Amino acid sequence: MNPIRQSALTSCILVAFFAATGAALAAGKPGEKAPTGPACDVAGPQTPRDIDSKAGTNAVAVATAPKYQDLNLCNIHFHAQAEHKGKDFSVFAGEGASGGYQCNASKSLSASELKKPAGDICKGLKPGDTIEVHWVHSSCDVKPGAGLGSCVKDDCKEPKLRVEAQVFTLVNDPKAAKFQDMIETGQKVNGRYQAKAIPSNTGTPIQFAGSTTGPSYNDTVCSPLKVTWSVRPQCAKLDINSVGAWCKAGNVFAEDHAHGVRKLVTNPKHLAPIAN
């Protein structure tokens, strides 16, 4: 295919992908569907992965995105269970909708930490559950909004994307970390939209090239998007009531539930090597 036509086609596919994915995420319904992706034998490196394994032979080039402070925060969402696997979150949670991994610490919580909170939490979360939070950043001149469609715009069709990820164990403890300390500020910091804070005390993030995630992708149909990932290797405890308040009060991301997980990618042909 003519390179110019191919580039234009790629841009159109990218915009359509973001629009459809953004609409699905903004709908706030469990089991959202992503658009059909390319066959995995021609796709770029995929996510999620075991962050303790550096192996990967996918040769599709992915330009490393700048550090998140030099990009615009465009979306925050979270998944039920950890999509990634690591030494600190290695308890397999099962197949299908209940797949993914749980923090090891979730098996040794106190009775008070596991006390049932009042009311529903984000459509079914409970103390002891594990979630993986994704702070999505874009090189486009965009502001925080609903779905991944907020990460792209007409004059910036091929953004550099970075996802900062942290795995949490949910506990009923007002002394635990608060989600409100990690959300969007609504204001720019040094010219970029940023979260109030992203955890910095849970180990050096593991950085690698990958893709977008979610339960609609598998080892046959892969995500077409190229993403730089930074996944923190240690779990942290998060006050479940603070997460529930964020879902209940409404937020600029239109998030009110935990999204599903994609099964762990283990085929080296679908993974990029980890350098650090």
C-alpha atoms as a PDB file:
ATOM      1  CA  MET A   1       0.000   0.000   0.000  1.00  0.00           C
ATOM      2  CA  ASN A   2       1.143   3.543  -0.760  1.00  0.00           C
ATOM      3  CA  PRO A   3       2.792   4.901   2.446  1.00  0.00           C
ATOM      4  CA  ILE A   4       0.694   8.081   2.430  1.00  0.00           C
ATOM      5  CA  ARG A   5      -2.546   6.163   1.988  1.00  0.00           C
ATOM      6  CA  GLN A   6      -1.450   3.651   4.642  1.00  0.00           C
ATOM      7  CA  SER A   7      -0.703   6.452   7.105  1.00  0.00           C
ATOM      8  CA  ALA A   8      -4.075   8.050   6.451  1.00  0.00           C
ATOM      9  CA  LEU A   9      -5.811   4.700   6.912  1.00  0.00           C
ATOM     10  CA  THR A  10      -3.934   4.094  10.152  1.00  0.00           C
ATOM     11  CA  SER A  11      -5.015   7.506  11.435  1.00  0.00           C
ATOM     12  CA  CYS A  12      -8.641   6.804  10.587  1.00  0.00           C
ATOM     13  CA  ILE A  13      -8.512   3.437  12.336  1.00  0.00           C
ATOM     14  CA  LEU A  14      -6.877   5.036  15.372  1.00  0.00           C
ATOM     15  CA  VAL A  15      -9.509   7.758  15.652  1.00  0.00           C
ATOM     16  CA  ALA A  16     -12.319   5.219  15.222  1.00  0.00           C
ATOM     17  CA  PHE A  17     -10.748   2.988  17.871  1.00  0.00           C
ATOM     18  CA  PHE A  18     -10.490   5.794  20.404  1.00  0.00           C
ATOM     19  CA  ALA A  19     -14.006   7.021  19.674  1.00  0.00           C
ATOM     20  CA  ALA A  20     -15.538   3.569  20.076  1.00  0.00           C
ATOM     21  CA  THR A  21     -13.472   2.665  23.124  1.00  0.00           C
ATOM     22  CA  GLY A  22     -14.177   6.030  24.704  1.00  0.00           C
ATOM     23  CA  ALA A  23     -17.899   5.598  24.189  1.00  0.00           C
ATOM     24  CA  ALA A  24     -17.792   2.112  25.675  1.00  0.00           C
ATOM     25  CA  LEU A  25     -15.883   3.198  28.760  1.00  0.00           C
ATOM     26  CA  ALA A  26     -18.044   6.263  29.225  1.00  0.00           C
ATOM     27  CA  ALA A  27     -21.170   4.109  29.122  1.00  0.00           C
ATOM     28  CA  GLY A  28     -20.244   2.776  32.554  1.00  0.00           C
ATOM     29  CA  LYS A  29     -21.388  -0.794  31.907  1.00  0.00           C
ATOM     30  CA  PRO A  30     -19.450  -3.921  32.897  1.00  0.00           C
ATOM     31  CA  GLY A  31     -18.227  -6.103  30.051  1.00  0.00           C
ATOM     32  CA  GLU A  32     -17.674  -3.242  27.598  1.00  0.00           C
ATOM     33  CA  LYS A  33     -16.595  -4.274  24.122  1.00  0.00           C
ATOM     34  CA  ALA A  34     -13.535  -2.899  22.322  1.00  0.00           C
ATOM     35  CA  PRO A  35     -13.364  -2.689  18.520  1.00  0.00           C
ATOM     36  CA  THR A  36     -11.950  -5.650  16.647  1.00  0.00           C
ATOM     37  CA  GLY A  37      -8.154  -5.497  16.566  1.00  0.00           C
ATOM     38  CA  PRO A  38      -5.533  -6.943  14.214  1.00  0.00           C
ATOM     39  CA  ALA A  39      -4.381 -10.549  14.258  1.00  0.00           C
ATOM     40  CA  CYS A  40      -1.737 -10.954  16.929  1.00  0.00           C
ATOM     41  CA  ASP A  41       0.917 -12.203  14.516  1.00  0.00           C
ATOM     42  CA  VAL A  42       1.102  -8.718  12.958  1.00  0.00           C
ATOM     43  CA  ALA A  43       0.248  -6.560  15.976  1.00  0.00           C
ATOM     44  CA  GLY A  44       2.683  -4.660  18.151  1.00  0.00           C
ATOM     45  CA  PRO A  45       3.643  -5.761  21.674  1.00  0.00           C
ATOM     46  CA  GLN A  46       0.687  -6.480  23.946  1.00  0.00           C
ATOM     47  CA  THR A  47      -0.344  -5.934  27.560  1.00  0.00           C
ATOM     48  CA  PRO A  48      -0.864  -7.173  30.330  1.00  0.00           C
ATOM     49  CA  ARG A  49       2.178  -9.269  31.201  1.00  0.00           C
ATOM     50  CA  ASP A  50       4.209 -10.746  34.022  1.00  0.00           C
ATOM     51  CA  ILE A  51       6.382  -7.777  34.981  1.00  0.00           C
ATOM     52  CA  ASP A  52       9.012 -10.064  36.517  1.00  0.00           C
ATOM     53  CA  SER A  53       9.701 -11.730  33.173  1.00  0.00           C
ATOM     54  CA  LYS A  54      11.818  -9.650  30.793  1.00  0.00           C
ATOM     55  CA  ALA A  55      11.449 -12.013  27.855  1.00  0.00           C
ATOM     56  CA  GLY A  56       9.892 -10.765  24.625  1.00  0.00           C
ATOM     57  CA  THR A  57      10.601 -11.075  20.907  1.00  0.00           C
ATOM     58  CA  ASN A  58       8.034  -8.739  19.330  1.00  0.00           C
ATOM     59  CA  ALA A  59       9.963  -6.611  16.858  1.00  0.00           C
ATOM     60  CA  VAL A  60       7.343  -3.916  16.151  1.00  0.00           C
ATOM     61  CA  ALA A  61       8.929  -0.582  17.068  1.00  0.00           C
ATOM     62  CA  VAL A  62       7.256   1.500  19.764  1.00  0.00           C
ATOM     63  CA  ALA A  63       8.656   4.959  20.491  1.00  0.00           C
ATOM     64  CA  THR A  64       8.993   5.491  24.235  1.00  0.00           C
ATOM     65  CA  ALA A  65       6.573   8.148  25.450  1.00  0.00           C
ATOM     66  CA  PRO A  66       7.954  11.044  27.538  1.00  0.00           C
ATOM     67  CA  LYS A  67       7.634  10.861  31.312  1.00  0.00           C
ATOM     68  CA  TYR A  68       4.076  11.398  32.475  1.00  0.00           C
ATOM     69  CA  GLN A  69       4.842  14.861  33.885  1.00  0.00           C
ATOM     70  CA  ASP A  70       5.497  16.003  30.291  1.00  0.00           C
ATOM     71  CA  LEU A  71       2.183  14.630  29.021  1.00  0.00           C
ATOM     72  CA  ASN A  72      -1.473  15.442  29.662  1.00  0.00           C
ATOM     73  CA  LEU A  73      -3.493  13.236  31.986  1.00  0.00           C
ATOM     74  CA  CYS A  74      -6.464  12.246  29.830  1.00  0.00           C
ATOM     75  CA  ASN A  75      -8.172   9.406  31.690  1.00  0.00           C
ATOM     76  CA  ILE A  76      -8.268   7.483  34.966  1.00  0.00           C
ATOM     77  CA  HIS A  77     -10.008   4.115  35.288  1.00  0.00           C
ATOM     78  CA  PHE A  78      -9.471   0.848  37.144  1.00  0.00           C
ATOM     79  CA  HIS A  79      -9.852  -2.886  36.621  1.00  0.00           C
ATOM     80  CA  ALA A  80     -11.262  -5.588  38.881  1.00  0.00           C
ATOM     81  CA  GLN A  81      -8.174  -7.584  39.933  1.00  0.00           C
ATOM     82  CA  ALA A  82      -4.675  -6.806  38.660  1.00  0.00           C
ATOM     83  CA  GLU A  83      -4.344  -7.277  34.932  1.00  0.00           C
ATOM     84  CA  HIS A  84      -0.588  -7.609  35.322  1.00  0.00           C
ATOM     85  CA  LYS A  85       1.176 -10.250  37.384  1.00  0.00           C
ATOM     86  CA  GLY A  86       4.080  -9.560  39.758  1.00  0.00           C
ATOM     87  CA  LYS A  87       5.696 -10.977  42.853  1.00  0.00           C
ATOM     88  CA  ASP A  88       3.441  -8.853  45.072  1.00  0.00           C
ATOM     89  CA  PHE A  89       0.254  -9.610  43.129  1.00  0.00           C
ATOM     90  CA  SER A  90       0.503 -13.220  42.081  1.00  0.00           C
ATOM     91  CA  VAL A  91      -2.639 -14.864  43.517  1.00  0.00           C
ATOM     92  CA  PHE A  92      -4.582 -16.104  40.485  1.00  0.00           C
ATOM     93  CA  ALA A  93      -8.204 -15.005  40.665  1.00  0.00           C
ATOM     94  CA  GLY A  94      -9.595 -17.412  38.070  1.00  0.00           C
ATOM     95  CA  GLU A  95     -10.704 -17.341  34.457  1.00  0.00           C
ATOM     96  CA  GLY A  96     -13.173 -15.075  32.681  1.00  0.00           C
ATOM     97  CA  ALA A  97     -14.763 -12.075  34.337  1.00  0.00           C
ATOM     98  CA  SER A  98     -13.130 -12.997  37.638  1.00  0.00           C
ATOM     99  CA  GLY A  99      -9.685 -13.402  36.103  1.00  0.00           C
ATOM    100  CA  GLY A 100      -6.525 -11.472  36.784  1.00  0.00           C
ATOM    101  CA  TYR A 101      -4.453 -11.488  39.967  1.00  0.00           C
ATOM    102  CA  GLN A 102      -4.902 -10.469  43.583  1.00  0.00           C
ATOM    103  CA  CYS A 103      -2.425  -8.826  45.917  1.00  0.00           C
ATOM    104  CA  ASN A 104      -0.729 -11.409  48.132  1.00  0.00           C
ATOM    105  CA  ALA A 105      -1.608  -9.215  51.130  1.00  0.00           C
ATOM    106  CA  SER A 106      -5.315  -9.675  50.426  1.00  0.00           C
ATOM    107  CA  LYS A 107      -5.085 -13.094  52.071  1.00  0.00           C
ATOM    108  CA  SER A 108      -3.875 -11.742  55.419  1.00  0.00           C
ATOM    109  CA  LEU A 109      -6.093  -8.751  56.171  1.00  0.00           C
ATOM    110  CA  SER A 110      -7.545  -8.066  59.598  1.00  0.00           C
ATOM    111  CA  ALA A 111     -11.206  -8.426  60.505  1.00  0.00           C
ATOM    112  CA  SER A 112     -11.552  -4.653  60.738  1.00  0.00           C
ATOM    113  CA  GLU A 113      -9.999  -4.154  57.289  1.00  0.00           C
ATOM    114  CA  LEU A 114     -12.509  -6.642  55.868  1.00  0.00           C
ATOM    115  CA  LYS A 115     -15.556  -5.122  57.587  1.00  0.00           C
ATOM    116  CA  LYS A 116     -18.362  -4.572  55.103  1.00  0.00           C
ATOM    117  CA  PRO A 117     -18.837  -0.856  54.341  1.00  0.00           C
ATOM    118  CA  ALA A 118     -22.224   0.813  54.220  1.00  0.00           C
ATOM    119  CA  GLY A 119     -23.882   0.771  50.822  1.00  0.00           C
ATOM    120  CA  ASP A 120     -22.671  -0.382  47.421  1.00  0.00           C
ATOM    121  CA  ILE A 121     -19.108   0.381  46.349  1.00  0.00           C
ATOM    122  CA  CYS A 122     -18.640   0.986  42.619  1.00  0.00           C
ATOM    123  CA  LYS A 123     -21.183  -1.680  41.618  1.00  0.00           C
ATOM    124  CA  GLY A 124     -19.931  -4.561  43.713  1.00  0.00           C
ATOM    125  CA  LEU A 125     -16.435  -3.951  45.101  1.00  0.00           C
ATOM    126  CA  LYS A 126     -15.777  -5.245  48.607  1.00  0.00           C
ATOM    127  CA  PRO A 127     -12.924  -5.128  51.131  1.00  0.00           C
ATOM    128  CA  GLY A 128     -10.174  -7.585  50.224  1.00  0.00           C
ATOM    129  CA  ASP A 129     -10.674  -7.043  46.487  1.00  0.00           C
ATOM    130  CA  THR A 130      -7.751  -6.064  44.286  1.00  0.00           C
ATOM    131  CA  ILE A 131      -7.951  -3.305  41.674  1.00  0.00           C
ATOM    132  CA  GLU A 132      -5.412  -2.024  39.160  1.00  0.00           C
ATOM    133  CA  VAL A 133      -5.631   1.728  38.560  1.00  0.00           C
ATOM    134  CA  HIS A 134      -4.521   3.203  35.234  1.00  0.00           C
ATOM    135  CA  TRP A 135      -3.568   6.865  34.842  1.00  0.00           C
ATOM    136  CA  VAL A 136      -3.552   7.384  31.063  1.00  0.00           C
ATOM    137  CA  HIS A 137      -1.458  10.220  29.606  1.00  0.00           C
ATOM    138  CA  SER A 138      -1.310  11.613  26.071  1.00  0.00           C
ATOM    139  CA  SER A 139       1.011  13.851  24.068  1.00  0.00           C
ATOM    140  CA  CYS A 140      -2.056  15.538  22.563  1.00  0.00           C
ATOM    141  CA  ASP A 141      -3.291  18.914  23.837  1.00  0.00           C
ATOM    142  CA  VAL A 142      -6.261  17.352  25.639  1.00  0.00           C
ATOM    143  CA  LYS A 143      -7.899  17.557  29.051  1.00  0.00           C
ATOM    144  CA  PRO A 144      -9.104  14.784  31.375  1.00  0.00           C
ATOM    145  CA  GLY A 145     -12.315  13.185  30.148  1.00  0.00           C
ATOM    146  CA  ALA A 146     -14.467  10.092  29.713  1.00  0.00           C
ATOM    147  CA  GLY A 147     -12.938   7.061  28.017  1.00  0.00           C
ATOM    148  CA  LEU A 148      -9.805   6.686  25.959  1.00  0.00           C
ATOM    149  CA  GLY A 149     -11.358   8.903  23.306  1.00  0.00           C
ATOM    150  CA  SER A 150     -10.343  11.818  25.517  1.00  0.00           C
ATOM    151  CA  CYS A 151      -6.689  11.022  24.747  1.00  0.00           C
ATOM    152  CA  VAL A 152      -6.835  11.966  21.055  1.00  0.00           C
ATOM    153  CA  LYS A 153      -8.155  14.864  18.960  1.00  0.00           C
ATOM    154  CA  ASP A 154      -8.560  15.718  15.281  1.00  0.00           C
ATOM    155  CA  ASP A 155      -5.203  17.485  14.970  1.00  0.00           C
ATOM    156  CA  CYS A 156      -3.378  14.832  17.036  1.00  0.00           C
ATOM    157  CA  LYS A 157      -4.401  11.468  15.648  1.00  0.00           C
ATOM    158  CA  GLU A 158      -1.322   9.470  16.622  1.00  0.00           C
ATOM    159  CA  PRO A 159      -0.437  10.480  20.194  1.00  0.00           C
ATOM    160  CA  LYS A 160       2.337   9.062  22.304  1.00  0.00           C
ATOM    161  CA  LEU A 161       0.589   7.321  25.164  1.00  0.00           C
ATOM    162  CA  ARG A 162       1.815   6.416  28.629  1.00  0.00           C
ATOM    163  CA  VAL A 163      -0.043   4.516  31.336  1.00  0.00           C
ATOM    164  CA  GLU A 164       1.065   4.715  34.962  1.00  0.00           C
ATOM    165  CA  ALA A 165      -0.318   1.692  36.822  1.00  0.00           C
ATOM    166  CA  GLN A 166      -0.691   0.815  40.499  1.00  0.00           C
ATOM    167  CA  VAL A 167      -2.242  -2.295  42.057  1.00  0.00           C
ATOM    168  CA  PHE A 168      -4.211  -1.828  45.285  1.00  0.00           C
ATOM    169  CA  THR A 169      -5.782  -4.006  47.963  1.00  0.00           C
ATOM    170  CA  LEU A 170      -9.076  -2.466  49.072  1.00  0.00           C
ATOM    171  CA  VAL A 171      -9.500  -2.210  52.855  1.00  0.00           C
ATOM    172  CA  ASN A 172     -12.106  -0.668  55.128  1.00  0.00           C
ATOM    173  CA  ASP A 173      -9.621   1.567  56.920  1.00  0.00           C
ATOM    174  CA  PRO A 174      -9.746   5.379  57.081  1.00  0.00           C
ATOM    175  CA  LYS A 175      -5.991   5.381  57.751  1.00  0.00           C
ATOM    176  CA  ALA A 176      -5.205   3.754  54.400  1.00  0.00           C
ATOM    177  CA  ALA A 177      -4.393   5.766  51.269  1.00  0.00           C
ATOM    178  CA  LYS A 178      -7.266   7.829  49.845  1.00  0.00           C
ATOM    179  CA  PHE A 179      -8.258   7.737  46.196  1.00  0.00           C
ATOM    180  CA  GLN A 180      -9.181  11.433  46.346  1.00  0.00           C
ATOM    181  CA  ASP A 181      -5.460  12.190  46.720  1.00  0.00           C
ATOM    182  CA  MET A 182      -4.755  10.566  43.334  1.00  0.00           C
ATOM    183  CA  ILE A 183      -7.426  12.015  41.056  1.00  0.00           C
ATOM    184  CA  GLU A 184      -7.347  14.877  38.566  1.00  0.00           C
ATOM    185  CA  THR A 185      -6.797  18.449  39.759  1.00  0.00           C
ATOM    186  CA  GLY A 186      -8.655  20.166  36.929  1.00  0.00           C
ATOM    187  CA  GLN A 187      -5.694  22.506  36.721  1.00  0.00           C
ATOM    188  CA  LYS A 188      -2.490  22.424  34.697  1.00  0.00           C
ATOM    189  CA  VAL A 189       0.891  21.843  36.304  1.00  0.00           C
ATOM    190  CA  ASN A 190       3.731  23.315  34.249  1.00  0.00           C
ATOM    191  CA  GLY A 191       1.364  23.486  31.285  1.00  0.00           C
ATOM    192  CA  ARG A 192       0.065  19.899  31.550  1.00  0.00           C
ATOM    193  CA  TYR A 193      -2.989  18.328  33.167  1.00  0.00           C
ATOM    194  CA  GLN A 194      -1.853  16.060  35.990  1.00  0.00           C
ATOM    195  CA  ALA A 195      -3.266  13.899  38.760  1.00  0.00           C
ATOM    196  CA  LYS A 196      -2.912  15.174  42.315  1.00  0.00           C
ATOM    197  CA  ALA A 197      -0.422  12.378  42.929  1.00  0.00           C
ATOM    198  CA  ILE A 198       0.579   8.961  41.608  1.00  0.00           C
ATOM    199  CA  PRO A 199       2.092   6.515  44.129  1.00  0.00           C
ATOM    200  CA  SER A 200       5.855   6.889  44.447  1.00  0.00           C
ATOM    201  CA  ASN A 201       6.507   4.556  47.393  1.00  0.00           C
ATOM    202  CA  THR A 202       5.665   1.189  45.827  1.00  0.00           C
ATOM    203  CA  GLY A 203       8.944   0.400  44.097  1.00  0.00           C
ATOM    204  CA  THR A 204      10.640   1.511  40.900  1.00  0.00           C
ATOM    205  CA  PRO A 205       8.102   1.211  38.062  1.00  0.00           C
ATOM    206  CA  ILE A 206       8.736  -1.504  35.475  1.00  0.00           C
ATOM    207  CA  GLN A 207       8.671   0.188  32.070  1.00  0.00           C
ATOM    208  CA  PHE A 208       7.913  -1.572  28.801  1.00  0.00           C
ATOM    209  CA  ALA A 209       6.208  -1.182  25.433  1.00  0.00           C
ATOM    210  CA  GLY A 210       2.710  -2.601  25.139  1.00  0.00           C
ATOM    211  CA  SER A 211      -0.870  -1.917  24.146  1.00  0.00           C
ATOM    212  CA  THR A 212      -4.249  -1.018  25.575  1.00  0.00           C
ATOM    213  CA  THR A 213      -5.913  -3.758  27.614  1.00  0.00           C
ATOM    214  CA  GLY A 214      -9.378  -5.051  28.478  1.00  0.00           C
ATOM    215  CA  PRO A 215     -11.352  -8.304  28.167  1.00  0.00           C
ATOM    216  CA  SER A 216     -12.153  -7.998  24.459  1.00  0.00           C
ATOM    217  CA  TYR A 217      -8.565  -8.760  23.455  1.00  0.00           C
ATOM    218  CA  ASN A 218      -6.898 -12.176  23.537  1.00  0.00           C
ATOM    219  CA  ASP A 219      -4.144 -14.206  21.889  1.00  0.00           C
ATOM    220  CA  THR A 220      -5.997 -14.142  18.565  1.00  0.00           C
ATOM    221  CA  VAL A 221      -7.348 -10.576  18.393  1.00  0.00           C
ATOM    222  CA  CYS A 222      -4.889  -7.992  19.695  1.00  0.00           C
ATOM    223  CA  SER A 223      -4.975  -4.279  20.488  1.00  0.00           C
ATOM    224  CA  PRO A 224      -3.598  -2.042  17.702  1.00  0.00           C
ATOM    225  CA  LEU A 225      -2.527   0.784  20.030  1.00  0.00           C
ATOM    226  CA  LYS A 226       1.080   1.377  21.119  1.00  0.00           C
ATOM    227  CA  VAL A 227       1.549   2.383  24.757  1.00  0.00           C
ATOM    228  CA  THR A 228       4.484   2.948  27.095  1.00  0.00           C
ATOM    229  CA  TRP A 229       3.705   1.301  30.431  1.00  0.00           C
ATOM    230  CA  SER A 230       5.052   1.985  33.925  1.00  0.00           C
ATOM    231  CA  VAL A 231       3.774  -0.624  36.388  1.00  0.00           C
ATOM    232  CA  ARG A 232       4.678  -0.314  40.060  1.00  0.00           C
ATOM    233  CA  PRO A 233       5.830  -3.672  41.460  1.00  0.00           C
ATOM    234  CA  GLN A 234       4.371  -3.435  44.980  1.00  0.00           C
ATOM    235  CA  CYS A 235       0.746  -3.451  46.107  1.00  0.00           C
ATOM    236  CA  ALA A 236      -0.607  -0.728  48.391  1.00  0.00           C
ATOM    237  CA  LYS A 237      -3.661  -0.570  50.637  1.00  0.00           C
ATOM    238  CA  LEU A 238      -6.438   1.793  49.557  1.00  0.00           C
ATOM    239  CA  ASP A 239      -9.461   2.863  51.598  1.00  0.00           C
ATOM    240  CA  ILE A 240     -12.455   1.317  49.837  1.00  0.00           C
ATOM    241  CA  ASN A 241     -14.739   4.097  51.088  1.00  0.00           C
ATOM    242  CA  SER A 242     -12.676   6.691  49.218  1.00  0.00           C
ATOM    243  CA  VAL A 243     -13.056   4.723  45.991  1.00  0.00           C
ATOM    244  CA  GLY A 244     -16.788   4.389  46.588  1.00  0.00           C
ATOM    245  CA  ALA A 245     -17.134   8.122  47.164  1.00  0.00           C
ATOM    246  CA  TRP A 246     -15.348   8.810  43.849  1.00  0.00           C
ATOM    247  CA  CYS A 247     -17.708   6.482  41.964  1.00  0.00           C
ATOM    248  CA  LYS A 248     -20.833   7.771  43.708  1.00  0.00           C
ATOM    249  CA  ALA A 249     -20.147  11.483  43.455  1.00  0.00           C
ATOM    250  CA  GLY A 250     -19.471  11.368  39.752  1.00  0.00           C
ATOM    251  CA  ASN A 251     -16.220  12.337  38.077  1.00  0.00           C
ATOM    252  CA  VAL A 252     -15.006  13.875  34.859  1.00  0.00           C
ATOM    253  CA  PHE A 253     -14.167  10.381  33.568  1.00  0.00           C
ATOM    254  CA  ALA A 254     -17.767   9.092  33.967  1.00  0.00           C
ATOM    255  CA  GLU A 255     -16.360   6.070  35.828  1.00  0.00           C
ATOM    256  CA  ASP A 256     -18.560   4.191  38.288  1.00  0.00           C
ATOM    257  CA  HIS A 257     -17.349   0.575  38.175  1.00  0.00           C
ATOM    258  CA  ALA A 258     -14.297  -1.643  37.789  1.00  0.00           C
ATOM    259  CA  HIS A 259     -13.569  -2.788  34.241  1.00  0.00           C
ATOM    260  CA  GLY A 260     -12.776  -6.375  33.254  1.00  0.00           C
ATOM    261  CA  VAL A 261      -9.313  -7.765  32.657  1.00  0.00           C
ATOM    262  CA  ARG A 262      -7.527  -9.223  29.681  1.00  0.00           C
ATOM    263  CA  LYS A 263      -5.965 -12.635  30.211  1.00  0.00           C
ATOM    264  CA  LEU A 264      -2.229 -12.428  30.848  1.00  0.00           C
ATOM    265  CA  VAL A 265      -0.169 -12.338  27.647  1.00  0.00           C
ATOM    266  CA  THR A 266       2.615 -14.940  27.843  1.00  0.00           C
ATOM    267  CA  ASN A 267       3.604 -15.678  24.230  1.00  0.00           C
ATOM    268  CA  PRO A 268       7.053 -14.032  23.729  1.00  0.00           C
ATOM    269  CA  LYS A 269       6.043 -13.160  20.140  1.00  0.00           C
ATOM    270  CA  HIS A 270       3.385 -10.854  21.574  1.00  0.00           C
ATOM    271  CA  LEU A 271       5.648  -9.160  24.129  1.00  0.00           C
ATOM    272  CA  ALA A 272       8.391  -6.581  23.963  1.00  0.00           C
ATOM    273  CA  PRO A 273      11.579  -7.224  25.942  1.00  0.00           C
ATOM    274  CA  ILE A 274      11.934  -5.345  29.245  1.00  0.00           C
ATOM    275  CA  ALA A 275      15.222  -3.497  29.455  1.00  0.00           C
ATOM    276  CA  ASN A 276      15.278  -2.489  33.136  1.00  0.00           C
END
